[in-house]
Amino acid sequence: MASLRNLKIKTGTCKRIVKELHSYEKEVEREAAKTADMKEKGADPYDLKQQENVLAESRMMLPDCQKRLEASLADLKGILAELEEELNQKEGPEIEEARTIIGEVDKLFQTTEA
């Protein structure tokens, strides 16, 4: 049975994962710039290799984060649909917030696919 509490939890989870995804994207940009700068300056090969490993690890986190976000979004959509059916609730601050997050995440996925 769906409840407003579960809806709030799923909404918060989606928000957190979106924030995490943006953080990883910024980290990848930062580490890529640092790696390029090290190559440009002719850094020690060992240090450069370590920096490339850091960059690779950061890039590996992006697909994982996107998968978790997709799963979380599916859960949120399911709970929202259940609430609207079972409790006949179509309005309320929690429901509006959930719809907003669903819209944001859908838009985020559309921009990543394009």
PDB file of N, CA and C in Angstrom:
ATOM      1  N   MET A   1       0.831  -1.184   0.000  1.00  0.00           N
ATOM      2  CA  MET A   1       0.000   0.000   0.000  1.00  0.00           C
ATOM      3  C   MET A   1       0.874   1.245   0.000  1.00  0.00           C
ATOM      4  N   ALA A   2       0.550   2.142  -0.873  1.00  0.00           N
ATOM      5  CA  ALA A   2       1.318   3.385  -0.986  1.00  0.00           C
ATOM      6  C   ALA A   2       0.846   4.380   0.072  1.00  0.00           C
ATOM      7  N   SER A   3       1.765   5.183   0.536  1.00  0.00           N
ATOM      8  CA  SER A   3       1.408   6.233   1.486  1.00  0.00           C
ATOM      9  C   SER A   3       2.180   7.499   1.135  1.00  0.00           C
ATOM     10  N   LEU A   4       1.718   8.598   1.690  1.00  0.00           N
ATOM     11  CA  LEU A   4       2.409   9.866   1.440  1.00  0.00           C
ATOM     12  C   LEU A   4       3.834   9.815   1.981  1.00  0.00           C
ATOM     13  N   ARG A   5       4.043   9.085   3.058  1.00  0.00           N
ATOM     14  CA  ARG A   5       5.385   8.960   3.633  1.00  0.00           C
ATOM     15  C   ARG A   5       6.322   8.276   2.631  1.00  0.00           C
ATOM     16  N   ASN A   6       5.851   7.180   2.038  1.00  0.00           N
ATOM     17  CA  ASN A   6       6.664   6.486   1.034  1.00  0.00           C
ATOM     18  C   ASN A   6       6.935   7.386  -0.169  1.00  0.00           C
ATOM     19  N   LEU A   7       5.934   8.161  -0.554  1.00  0.00           N
ATOM     20  CA  LEU A   7       6.097   9.087  -1.677  1.00  0.00           C
ATOM     21  C   LEU A   7       7.184  10.113  -1.365  1.00  0.00           C
ATOM     22  N   LYS A   8       7.168  10.645  -0.138  1.00  0.00           N
ATOM     23  CA  LYS A   8       8.187  11.616   0.261  1.00  0.00           C
ATOM     24  C   LYS A   8       9.579  10.986   0.244  1.00  0.00           C
ATOM     25  N   ILE A   9       9.664   9.741   0.701  1.00  0.00           N
ATOM     26  CA  ILE A   9      10.950   9.046   0.733  1.00  0.00           C
ATOM     27  C   ILE A   9      11.476   8.840  -0.688  1.00  0.00           C
ATOM     28  N   LYS A  10      10.632   8.362  -1.586  1.00  0.00           N
ATOM     29  CA  LYS A  10      11.046   8.123  -2.973  1.00  0.00           C
ATOM     30  C   LYS A  10      11.415   9.429  -3.672  1.00  0.00           C
ATOM     31  N   THR A  11      10.668  10.490  -3.371  1.00  0.00           N
ATOM     32  CA  THR A  11      10.972  11.801  -3.956  1.00  0.00           C
ATOM     33  C   THR A  11      12.340  12.281  -3.475  1.00  0.00           C
ATOM     34  N   GLY A  12      12.594  12.132  -2.188  1.00  0.00           N
ATOM     35  CA  GLY A  12      13.885  12.523  -1.625  1.00  0.00           C
ATOM     36  C   GLY A  12      15.030  11.712  -2.214  1.00  0.00           C
ATOM     37  N   THR A  13      14.787  10.436  -2.442  1.00  0.00           N
ATOM     38  CA  THR A  13      15.803   9.571  -3.037  1.00  0.00           C
ATOM     39  C   THR A  13      16.155  10.052  -4.440  1.00  0.00           C
ATOM     40  N   CYS A  14      15.130  10.359  -5.230  1.00  0.00           N
ATOM     41  CA  CYS A  14      15.371  10.856  -6.592  1.00  0.00           C
ATOM     42  C   CYS A  14      16.170  12.157  -6.552  1.00  0.00           C
ATOM     43  N   LYS A  15      15.783  13.069  -5.666  1.00  0.00           N
ATOM     44  CA  LYS A  15      16.500  14.352  -5.541  1.00  0.00           C
ATOM     45  C   LYS A  15      17.971  14.114  -5.220  1.00  0.00           C
ATOM     46  N   ARG A  16      18.215  13.220  -4.261  1.00  0.00           N
ATOM     47  CA  ARG A  16      19.584  12.952  -3.825  1.00  0.00           C
ATOM     48  C   ARG A  16      20.415  12.363  -4.958  1.00  0.00           C
ATOM     49  N   ILE A  17      19.842  11.437  -5.713  1.00  0.00           N
ATOM     50  CA  ILE A  17      20.596  10.802  -6.792  1.00  0.00           C
ATOM     51  C   ILE A  17      20.862  11.790  -7.923  1.00  0.00           C
ATOM     52  N   VAL A  18      19.903  12.692  -8.190  1.00  0.00           N
ATOM     53  CA  VAL A  18      20.133  13.729  -9.212  1.00  0.00           C
ATOM     54  C   VAL A  18      21.299  14.614  -8.778  1.00  0.00           C
ATOM     55  N   LYS A  19      21.294  14.990  -7.508  1.00  0.00           N
ATOM     56  CA  LYS A  19      22.379  15.816  -6.971  1.00  0.00           C
ATOM     57  C   LYS A  19      23.722  15.081  -7.082  1.00  0.00           C
ATOM     58  N   GLU A  20      23.697  13.794  -6.763  1.00  0.00           N
ATOM     59  CA  GLU A  20      24.898  12.968  -6.849  1.00  0.00           C
ATOM     60  C   GLU A  20      25.402  12.879  -8.293  1.00  0.00           C
ATOM     61  N   LEU A  21      24.478  12.705  -9.237  1.00  0.00           N
ATOM     62  CA  LEU A  21      24.843  12.611 -10.652  1.00  0.00           C
ATOM     63  C   LEU A  21      25.510  13.901 -11.120  1.00  0.00           C
ATOM     64  N   HIS A  22      24.931  15.044 -10.749  1.00  0.00           N
ATOM     65  CA  HIS A  22      25.531  16.326 -11.125  1.00  0.00           C
ATOM     66  C   HIS A  22      26.919  16.479 -10.503  1.00  0.00           C
ATOM     67  N   SER A  23      27.066  16.014  -9.283  1.00  0.00           N
ATOM     68  CA  SER A  23      28.358  16.085  -8.607  1.00  0.00           C
ATOM     69  C   SER A  23      29.407  15.256  -9.344  1.00  0.00           C
ATOM     70  N   TYR A  24      29.031  14.051  -9.773  1.00  0.00           N
ATOM     71  CA  TYR A  24      29.968  13.199 -10.515  1.00  0.00           C
ATOM     72  C   TYR A  24      30.315  13.820 -11.872  1.00  0.00           C
ATOM     73  N   GLU A  25      29.326  14.429 -12.518  1.00  0.00           N
ATOM     74  CA  GLU A  25      29.600  15.073 -13.810  1.00  0.00           C
ATOM     75  C   GLU A  25      30.608  16.203 -13.645  1.00  0.00           C
ATOM     76  N   LYS A  26      30.451  17.001 -12.584  1.00  0.00           N
ATOM     77  CA  LYS A  26      31.397  18.083 -12.327  1.00  0.00           C
ATOM     78  C   LYS A  26      32.781  17.522 -12.005  1.00  0.00           C
ATOM     79  N   GLU A  27      32.802  16.425 -11.247  1.00  0.00           N
ATOM     80  CA  GLU A  27      34.078  15.804 -10.887  1.00  0.00           C
ATOM     81  C   GLU A  27      34.808  15.309 -12.136  1.00  0.00           C
ATOM     82  N   VAL A  28      34.079  14.702 -13.067  1.00  0.00           N
ATOM     83  CA  VAL A  28      34.694  14.220 -14.302  1.00  0.00           C
ATOM     84  C   VAL A  28      35.282  15.385 -15.087  1.00  0.00           C
ATOM     85  N   GLU A  29      34.533  16.483 -15.188  1.00  0.00           N
ATOM     86  CA  GLU A  29      35.041  17.674 -15.895  1.00  0.00           C
ATOM     87  C   GLU A  29      36.315  18.188 -15.234  1.00  0.00           C
ATOM     88  N   ARG A  30      36.277  18.276 -13.902  1.00  0.00           N
ATOM     89  CA  ARG A  30      37.424  18.785 -13.151  1.00  0.00           C
ATOM     90  C   ARG A  30      38.647  17.888 -13.330  1.00  0.00           C
ATOM     91  N   GLU A  31      38.442  16.582 -13.207  1.00  0.00           N
ATOM     92  CA  GLU A  31      39.558  15.645 -13.325  1.00  0.00           C
ATOM     93  C   GLU A  31      40.087  15.585 -14.759  1.00  0.00           C
ATOM     94  N   ALA A  32      39.210  15.715 -15.748  1.00  0.00           N
ATOM     95  CA  ALA A  32      39.649  15.723 -17.154  1.00  0.00           C
ATOM     96  C   ALA A  32      40.511  16.950 -17.417  1.00  0.00           C
ATOM     97  N   ALA A  33      40.101  18.087 -16.877  1.00  0.00           N
ATOM     98  CA  ALA A  33      40.888  19.312 -17.051  1.00  0.00           C
ATOM     99  C   ALA A  33      42.251  19.169 -16.360  1.00  0.00           C
ATOM    100  N   LYS A  34      42.240  18.578 -15.184  1.00  0.00           N
ATOM    101  CA  LYS A  34      43.492  18.385 -14.446  1.00  0.00           C
ATOM    102  C   LYS A  34      44.425  17.439 -15.206  1.00  0.00           C
ATOM    103  N   THR A  35      43.863  16.364 -15.780  1.00  0.00           N
ATOM    104  CA  THR A  35      44.661  15.408 -16.553  1.00  0.00           C
ATOM    105  C   THR A  35      45.259  16.082 -17.785  1.00  0.00           C
ATOM    106  N   ALA A  36      44.432  16.854 -18.494  1.00  0.00           N
ATOM    107  CA  ALA A  36      44.915  17.557 -19.689  1.00  0.00           C
ATOM    108  C   ALA A  36      46.015  18.536 -19.323  1.00  0.00           C
ATOM    109  N   ASP A  37      45.849  19.222 -18.194  1.00  0.00           N
ATOM    110  CA  ASP A  37      46.852  20.182 -17.732  1.00  0.00           C
ATOM    111  C   ASP A  37      48.161  19.472 -17.397  1.00  0.00           C
ATOM    112  N   MET A  38      48.055  18.300 -16.764  1.00  0.00           N
ATOM    113  CA  MET A  38      49.258  17.539 -16.420  1.00  0.00           C
ATOM    114  C   MET A  38      49.988  17.065 -17.684  1.00  0.00           C
ATOM    115  N   LYS A  39      49.221  16.631 -18.689  1.00  0.00           N
ATOM    116  CA  LYS A  39      49.837  16.197 -19.948  1.00  0.00           C
ATOM    117  C   LYS A  39      50.545  17.361 -20.631  1.00  0.00           C
ATOM    118  N   GLU A  40      49.888  18.511 -20.592  1.00  0.00           N
ATOM    119  CA  GLU A  40      50.423  19.715 -21.225  1.00  0.00           C
ATOM    120  C   GLU A  40      51.740  20.140 -20.575  1.00  0.00           C
ATOM    121  N   LYS A  41      51.801  20.019 -19.255  1.00  0.00           N
ATOM    122  CA  LYS A  41      52.982  20.452 -18.518  1.00  0.00           C
ATOM    123  C   LYS A  41      54.065  19.375 -18.481  1.00  0.00           C
ATOM    124  N   GLY A  42      53.764  18.197 -19.038  1.00  0.00           N
ATOM    125  CA  GLY A  42      54.761  17.127 -19.064  1.00  0.00           C
ATOM    126  C   GLY A  42      55.034  16.560 -17.689  1.00  0.00           C
ATOM    127  N   ALA A  43      53.988  16.236 -16.978  1.00  0.00           N
ATOM    128  CA  ALA A  43      54.132  15.702 -15.624  1.00  0.00           C
ATOM    129  C   ALA A  43      54.778  14.324 -15.642  1.00  0.00           C
ATOM    130  N   ASP A  44      55.218  13.919 -14.477  1.00  0.00           N
ATOM    131  CA  ASP A  44      55.824  12.604 -14.288  1.00  0.00           C
ATOM    132  C   ASP A  44      54.850  11.519 -14.770  1.00  0.00           C
ATOM    133  N   PRO A  45      55.329  10.534 -15.548  1.00  0.00           N
ATOM    134  CA  PRO A  45      54.438   9.482 -16.079  1.00  0.00           C
ATOM    135  C   PRO A  45      53.655   8.739 -14.998  1.00  0.00           C
ATOM    136  N   TYR A  46      54.262   8.504 -13.854  1.00  0.00           N
ATOM    137  CA  TYR A  46      53.568   7.811 -12.768  1.00  0.00           C
ATOM    138  C   TYR A  46      52.394   8.651 -12.264  1.00  0.00           C
ATOM    139  N   ASP A  47      52.649   9.944 -12.032  1.00  0.00           N
ATOM    140  CA  ASP A  47      51.594  10.843 -11.559  1.00  0.00           C
ATOM    141  C   ASP A  47      50.475  10.947 -12.593  1.00  0.00           C
ATOM    142  N   LEU A  48      50.866  11.008 -13.855  1.00  0.00           N
ATOM    143  CA  LEU A  48      49.878  11.098 -14.930  1.00  0.00           C
ATOM    144  C   LEU A  48      49.014   9.836 -14.968  1.00  0.00           C
ATOM    145  N   LYS A  49      49.646   8.689 -14.805  1.00  0.00           N
ATOM    146  CA  LYS A  49      48.911   7.414 -14.799  1.00  0.00           C
ATOM    147  C   LYS A  49      47.922   7.372 -13.633  1.00  0.00           C
ATOM    148  N   GLN A  50      48.364   7.835 -12.469  1.00  0.00           N
ATOM    149  CA  GLN A  50      47.475   7.859 -11.304  1.00  0.00           C
ATOM    150  C   GLN A  50      46.285   8.793 -11.546  1.00  0.00           C
ATOM    151  N   GLN A  51      46.558   9.929 -12.150  1.00  0.00           N
ATOM    152  CA  GLN A  51      45.488  10.890 -12.446  1.00  0.00           C
ATOM    153  C   GLN A  51      44.503  10.302 -13.454  1.00  0.00           C
ATOM    154  N   GLU A  52      45.020   9.564 -14.437  1.00  0.00           N
ATOM    155  CA  GLU A  52      44.133   8.919 -15.414  1.00  0.00           C
ATOM    156  C   GLU A  52      43.269   7.860 -14.738  1.00  0.00           C
ATOM    157  N   ASN A  53      43.800   7.172 -13.741  1.00  0.00           N
ATOM    158  CA  ASN A  53      43.018   6.196 -12.978  1.00  0.00           C
ATOM    159  C   ASN A  53      41.902   6.884 -12.193  1.00  0.00           C
ATOM    160  N   VAL A  54      42.218   8.024 -11.609  1.00  0.00           N
ATOM    161  CA  VAL A  54      41.206   8.800 -10.877  1.00  0.00           C
ATOM    162  C   VAL A  54      40.082   9.214 -11.830  1.00  0.00           C
ATOM    163  N   LEU A  55      40.454   9.677 -13.007  1.00  0.00           N
ATOM    164  CA  LEU A  55      39.476  10.094 -14.014  1.00  0.00           C
ATOM    165  C   LEU A  55      38.614   8.904 -14.455  1.00  0.00           C
ATOM    166  N   ALA A  56      39.236   7.757 -14.664  1.00  0.00           N
ATOM    167  CA  ALA A  56      38.497   6.561 -15.081  1.00  0.00           C
ATOM    168  C   ALA A  56      37.498   6.128 -14.009  1.00  0.00           C
ATOM    169  N   GLU A  57      37.902   6.198 -12.752  1.00  0.00           N
ATOM    170  CA  GLU A  57      36.992   5.849 -11.652  1.00  0.00           C
ATOM    171  C   GLU A  57      35.807   6.792 -11.601  1.00  0.00           C
ATOM    172  N   SER A  58      36.058   8.066 -11.809  1.00  0.00           N
ATOM    173  CA  SER A  58      34.973   9.045 -11.807  1.00  0.00           C
ATOM    174  C   SER A  58      34.000   8.779 -12.948  1.00  0.00           C
ATOM    175  N   ARG A  59      34.539   8.440 -14.106  1.00  0.00           N
ATOM    176  CA  ARG A  59      33.678   8.152 -15.269  1.00  0.00           C
ATOM    177  C   ARG A  59      32.856   6.884 -15.054  1.00  0.00           C
ATOM    178  N   MET A  60      33.416   5.914 -14.325  1.00  0.00           N
ATOM    179  CA  MET A  60      32.685   4.671 -14.059  1.00  0.00           C
ATOM    180  C   MET A  60      31.467   4.900 -13.173  1.00  0.00           C
ATOM    181  N   MET A  61      31.498   5.943 -12.370  1.00  0.00           N
ATOM    182  CA  MET A  61      30.384   6.200 -11.460  1.00  0.00           C
ATOM    183  C   MET A  61      29.150   6.744 -12.184  1.00  0.00           C
ATOM    184  N   LEU A  62      29.338   7.374 -13.334  1.00  0.00           N
ATOM    185  CA  LEU A  62      28.207   7.968 -14.051  1.00  0.00           C
ATOM    186  C   LEU A  62      27.157   6.938 -14.476  1.00  0.00           C
ATOM    187  N   PRO A  63      27.526   5.852 -15.167  1.00  0.00           N
ATOM    188  CA  PRO A  63      26.501   4.872 -15.562  1.00  0.00           C
ATOM    189  C   PRO A  63      25.796   4.235 -14.359  1.00  0.00           C
ATOM    190  N   ASP A  64      26.560   3.969 -13.293  1.00  0.00           N
ATOM    191  CA  ASP A  64      25.977   3.394 -12.087  1.00  0.00           C
ATOM    192  C   ASP A  64      24.936   4.338 -11.496  1.00  0.00           C
ATOM    193  N   CYS A  65      25.281   5.589 -11.430  1.00  0.00           N
ATOM    194  CA  CYS A  65      24.387   6.595 -10.875  1.00  0.00           C
ATOM    195  C   CYS A  65      23.129   6.729 -11.741  1.00  0.00           C
ATOM    196  N   GLN A  66      23.292   6.665 -13.053  1.00  0.00           N
ATOM    197  CA  GLN A  66      22.141   6.764 -13.950  1.00  0.00           C
ATOM    198  C   GLN A  66      21.215   5.561 -13.783  1.00  0.00           C
ATOM    199  N   LYS A  67      21.781   4.376 -13.599  1.00  0.00           N
ATOM    200  CA  LYS A  67      20.957   3.182 -13.382  1.00  0.00           C
ATOM    201  C   LYS A  67      20.155   3.309 -12.089  1.00  0.00           C
ATOM    202  N   ARG A  68      20.823   3.777 -11.041  1.00  0.00           N
ATOM    203  CA  ARG A  68      20.122   3.953  -9.759  1.00  0.00           C
ATOM    204  C   ARG A  68      19.012   4.991  -9.884  1.00  0.00           C
ATOM    205  N   LEU A  69      19.279   6.038 -10.669  1.00  0.00           N
ATOM    206  CA  LEU A  69      18.274   7.074 -10.874  1.00  0.00           C
ATOM    207  C   LEU A  69      17.082   6.529 -11.656  1.00  0.00           C
ATOM    208  N   GLU A  70      17.343   5.714 -12.673  1.00  0.00           N
ATOM    209  CA  GLU A  70      16.257   5.107 -13.444  1.00  0.00           C
ATOM    210  C   GLU A  70      15.382   4.231 -12.548  1.00  0.00           C
ATOM    211  N   ALA A  71      16.025   3.425 -11.698  1.00  0.00           N
ATOM    212  CA  ALA A  71      15.281   2.551 -10.786  1.00  0.00           C
ATOM    213  C   ALA A  71      14.467   3.375  -9.784  1.00  0.00           C
ATOM    214  N   SER A  72      15.072   4.409  -9.267  1.00  0.00           N
ATOM    215  CA  SER A  72      14.398   5.271  -8.304  1.00  0.00           C
ATOM    216  C   SER A  72      13.215   5.995  -8.948  1.00  0.00           C
ATOM    217  N   LEU A  73      13.404   6.429 -10.184  1.00  0.00           N
ATOM    218  CA  LEU A  73      12.329   7.102 -10.911  1.00  0.00           C
ATOM    219  C   LEU A  73      11.161   6.152 -11.146  1.00  0.00           C
ATOM    220  N   ALA A  74      11.466   4.919 -11.514  1.00  0.00           N
ATOM    221  CA  ALA A  74      10.404   3.922 -11.729  1.00  0.00           C
ATOM    222  C   ALA A  74       9.626   3.685 -10.433  1.00  0.00           C
ATOM    223  N   ASP A  75      10.344   3.595  -9.308  1.00  0.00           N
ATOM    224  CA  ASP A  75       9.686   3.426  -8.006  1.00  0.00           C
ATOM    225  C   ASP A  75       8.779   4.609  -7.699  1.00  0.00           C
ATOM    226  N   LEU A  76       9.297   5.805  -7.936  1.00  0.00           N
ATOM    227  CA  LEU A  76       8.524   7.015  -7.649  1.00  0.00           C
ATOM    228  C   LEU A  76       7.262   7.075  -8.505  1.00  0.00           C
ATOM    229  N   LYS A  77       7.403   6.766  -9.785  1.00  0.00           N
ATOM    230  CA  LYS A  77       6.228   6.770 -10.668  1.00  0.00           C
ATOM    231  C   LYS A  77       5.200   5.735 -10.214  1.00  0.00           C
ATOM    232  N   GLY A  78       5.680   4.569  -9.795  1.00  0.00           N
ATOM    233  CA  GLY A  78       4.785   3.512  -9.319  1.00  0.00           C
ATOM    234  C   GLY A  78       4.018   3.924  -8.077  1.00  0.00           C
ATOM    235  N   ILE A  79       4.728   4.494  -7.116  1.00  0.00           N
ATOM    236  CA  ILE A  79       4.089   4.934  -5.865  1.00  0.00           C
ATOM    237  C   ILE A  79       3.078   6.038  -6.160  1.00  0.00           C
ATOM    238  N   LEU A  80       3.444   6.970  -7.031  1.00  0.00           N
ATOM    239  CA  LEU A  80       2.542   8.075  -7.368  1.00  0.00           C
ATOM    240  C   LEU A  80       1.268   7.543  -8.021  1.00  0.00           C
ATOM    241  N   ALA A  81       1.420   6.623  -8.963  1.00  0.00           N
ATOM    242  CA  ALA A  81       0.249   6.040  -9.637  1.00  0.00           C
ATOM    243  C   ALA A  81      -0.626   5.289  -8.635  1.00  0.00           C
ATOM    244  N   GLU A  82       0.021   4.560  -7.719  1.00  0.00           N
ATOM    245  CA  GLU A  82      -0.719   3.813  -6.691  1.00  0.00           C
ATOM    246  C   GLU A  82      -1.514   4.754  -5.793  1.00  0.00           C
ATOM    247  N   LEU A  83      -0.867   5.830  -5.381  1.00  0.00           N
ATOM    248  CA  LEU A  83      -1.543   6.806  -4.522  1.00  0.00           C
ATOM    249  C   LEU A  83      -2.750   7.412  -5.228  1.00  0.00           C
ATOM    250  N   GLU A  84      -2.570   7.757  -6.488  1.00  0.00           N
ATOM    251  CA  GLU A  84      -3.661   8.377  -7.227  1.00  0.00           C
ATOM    252  C   GLU A  84      -4.822   7.402  -7.399  1.00  0.00           C
ATOM    253  N   GLU A  85      -4.529   6.108  -7.566  1.00  0.00           N
ATOM    254  CA  GLU A  85      -5.586   5.104  -7.723  1.00  0.00           C
ATOM    255  C   GLU A  85      -6.249   4.771  -6.391  1.00  0.00           C
ATOM    256  N   GLU A  86      -5.438   4.322  -5.429  1.00  0.00           N
ATOM    257  CA  GLU A  86      -5.965   3.834  -4.153  1.00  0.00           C
ATOM    258  C   GLU A  86      -6.647   4.910  -3.331  1.00  0.00           C
ATOM    259  N   LEU A  87      -5.953   5.982  -3.122  1.00  0.00           N
ATOM    260  CA  LEU A  87      -6.451   7.007  -2.211  1.00  0.00           C
ATOM    261  C   LEU A  87      -7.169   8.137  -2.928  1.00  0.00           C
ATOM    262  N   ASN A  88      -7.205   8.058  -4.239  1.00  0.00           N
ATOM    263  CA  ASN A  88      -7.859   9.090  -5.039  1.00  0.00           C
ATOM    264  C   ASN A  88      -7.275  10.472  -4.748  1.00  0.00           C
ATOM    265  N   GLN A  89      -5.998  10.517  -4.464  1.00  0.00           N
ATOM    266  CA  GLN A  89      -5.338  11.782  -4.193  1.00  0.00           C
ATOM    267  C   GLN A  89      -4.661  12.256  -5.464  1.00  0.00           C
ATOM    268  N   LYS A  90      -5.086  13.386  -5.956  1.00  0.00           N
ATOM    269  CA  LYS A  90      -4.498  13.935  -7.178  1.00  0.00           C
ATOM    270  C   LYS A  90      -3.774  15.251  -6.887  1.00  0.00           C
ATOM    271  N   GLU A  91      -3.945  15.752  -5.673  1.00  0.00           N
ATOM    272  CA  GLU A  91      -3.334  17.032  -5.323  1.00  0.00           C
ATOM    273  C   GLU A  91      -2.695  16.943  -3.945  1.00  0.00           C
ATOM    274  N   GLY A  92      -1.883  17.938  -3.661  1.00  0.00           N
ATOM    275  CA  GLY A  92      -1.201  18.004  -2.375  1.00  0.00           C
ATOM    276  C   GLY A  92       0.260  18.358  -2.606  1.00  0.00           C
ATOM    277  N   PRO A  93       0.907  18.931  -1.602  1.00  0.00           N
ATOM    278  CA  PRO A  93       2.301  19.355  -1.781  1.00  0.00           C
ATOM    279  C   PRO A  93       3.250  18.200  -2.111  1.00  0.00           C
ATOM    280  N   GLU A  94       3.044  17.043  -1.481  1.00  0.00           N
ATOM    281  CA  GLU A  94       3.923  15.900  -1.739  1.00  0.00           C
ATOM    282  C   GLU A  94       3.759  15.402  -3.176  1.00  0.00           C
ATOM    283  N   ILE A  95       2.532  15.373  -3.632  1.00  0.00           N
ATOM    284  CA  ILE A  95       2.249  14.886  -4.990  1.00  0.00           C
ATOM    285  C   ILE A  95       2.791  15.863  -6.023  1.00  0.00           C
ATOM    286  N   GLU A  96       2.631  17.148  -5.775  1.00  0.00           N
ATOM    287  CA  GLU A  96       3.169  18.156  -6.705  1.00  0.00           C
ATOM    288  C   GLU A  96       4.686  18.079  -6.766  1.00  0.00           C
ATOM    289  N   GLU A  97       5.308  17.910  -5.605  1.00  0.00           N
ATOM    290  CA  GLU A  97       6.770  17.807  -5.565  1.00  0.00           C
ATOM    291  C   GLU A  97       7.237  16.566  -6.337  1.00  0.00           C
ATOM    292  N   ALA A  98       6.519  15.450  -6.164  1.00  0.00           N
ATOM    293  CA  ALA A  98       6.881  14.215  -6.875  1.00  0.00           C
ATOM    294  C   ALA A  98       6.754  14.419  -8.385  1.00  0.00           C
ATOM    295  N   ARG A  99       5.685  15.072  -8.807  1.00  0.00           N
ATOM    296  CA  ARG A  99       5.505  15.328 -10.247  1.00  0.00           C
ATOM    297  C   ARG A  99       6.613  16.233 -10.787  1.00  0.00           C
ATOM    298  N   THR A 100       7.004  17.221 -10.004  1.00  0.00           N
ATOM    299  CA  THR A 100       8.085  18.126 -10.409  1.00  0.00           C
ATOM    300  C   THR A 100       9.390  17.348 -10.593  1.00  0.00           C
ATOM    301  N   ILE A 101       9.708  16.499  -9.624  1.00  0.00           N
ATOM    302  CA  ILE A 101      10.937  15.702  -9.694  1.00  0.00           C
ATOM    303  C   ILE A 101      10.886  14.758 -10.893  1.00  0.00           C
ATOM    304  N   ILE A 102       9.739  14.137 -11.127  1.00  0.00           N
ATOM    305  CA  ILE A 102       9.603  13.236 -12.281  1.00  0.00           C
ATOM    306  C   ILE A 102       9.867  14.004 -13.570  1.00  0.00           C
ATOM    307  N   GLY A 103       9.317  15.210 -13.675  1.00  0.00           N
ATOM    308  CA  GLY A 103       9.552  16.042 -14.860  1.00  0.00           C
ATOM    309  C   GLY A 103      11.018  16.393 -15.035  1.00  0.00           C
ATOM    310  N   GLU A 104      11.670  16.770 -13.938  1.00  0.00           N
ATOM    311  CA  GLU A 104      13.090  17.134 -13.995  1.00  0.00           C
ATOM    312  C   GLU A 104      13.949  15.949 -14.429  1.00  0.00           C
ATOM    313  N   VAL A 105      13.678  14.782 -13.851  1.00  0.00           N
ATOM    314  CA  VAL A 105      14.481  13.598 -14.166  1.00  0.00           C
ATOM    315  C   VAL A 105      14.235  13.160 -15.607  1.00  0.00           C
ATOM    316  N   ASP A 106      12.982  13.204 -16.043  1.00  0.00           N
ATOM    317  CA  ASP A 106      12.687  12.862 -17.444  1.00  0.00           C
ATOM    318  C   ASP A 106      13.419  13.803 -18.392  1.00  0.00           C
ATOM    319  N   LYS A 107      13.434  15.083 -18.056  1.00  0.00           N
ATOM    320  CA  LYS A 107      14.132  16.078 -18.881  1.00  0.00           C
ATOM    321  C   LYS A 107      15.633  15.796 -18.870  1.00  0.00           C
ATOM    322  N   LEU A 108      16.158  15.422 -17.727  1.00  0.00           N
ATOM    323  CA  LEU A 108      17.579  15.089 -17.604  1.00  0.00           C
ATOM    324  C   LEU A 108      17.940  13.907 -18.492  1.00  0.00           C
ATOM    325  N   PHE A 109      17.093  12.879 -18.512  1.00  0.00           N
ATOM    326  CA  PHE A 109      17.348  11.715 -19.351  1.00  0.00           C
ATOM    327  C   PHE A 109      17.234  12.061 -20.834  1.00  0.00           C
ATOM    328  N   GLN A 110      16.335  12.959 -21.181  1.00  0.00           N
ATOM    329  CA  GLN A 110      16.199  13.362 -22.574  1.00  0.00           C
ATOM    330  C   GLN A 110      17.442  14.099 -23.063  1.00  0.00           C
ATOM    331  N   THR A 111      18.026  14.945 -22.214  1.00  0.00           N
ATOM    332  CA  THR A 111      19.229  15.683 -22.608  1.00  0.00           C
ATOM    333  C   THR A 111      20.434  14.770 -22.675  1.00  0.00           C
ATOM    334  N   THR A 112      20.483  13.722 -21.830  1.00  0.00           N
ATOM    335  CA  THR A 112      21.623  12.802 -21.888  1.00  0.00           C
ATOM    336  C   THR A 112      21.536  11.899 -23.117  1.00  0.00           C
ATOM    337  N   GLU A 113      20.340  11.559 -23.536  1.00  0.00           N
ATOM    338  CA  GLU A 113      20.182  10.694 -24.689  1.00  0.00           C
ATOM    339  C   GLU A 113      20.436  11.439 -26.003  1.00  0.00           C
ATOM    340  N   ALA A 114      20.180  12.736 -26.014  1.00  0.00           N
ATOM    341  CA  ALA A 114      20.320  13.531 -27.239  1.00  0.00           C
ATOM    342  C   ALA A 114      21.770  13.793 -27.576  1.00  0.00           C
TER     343      ALA A 114
END
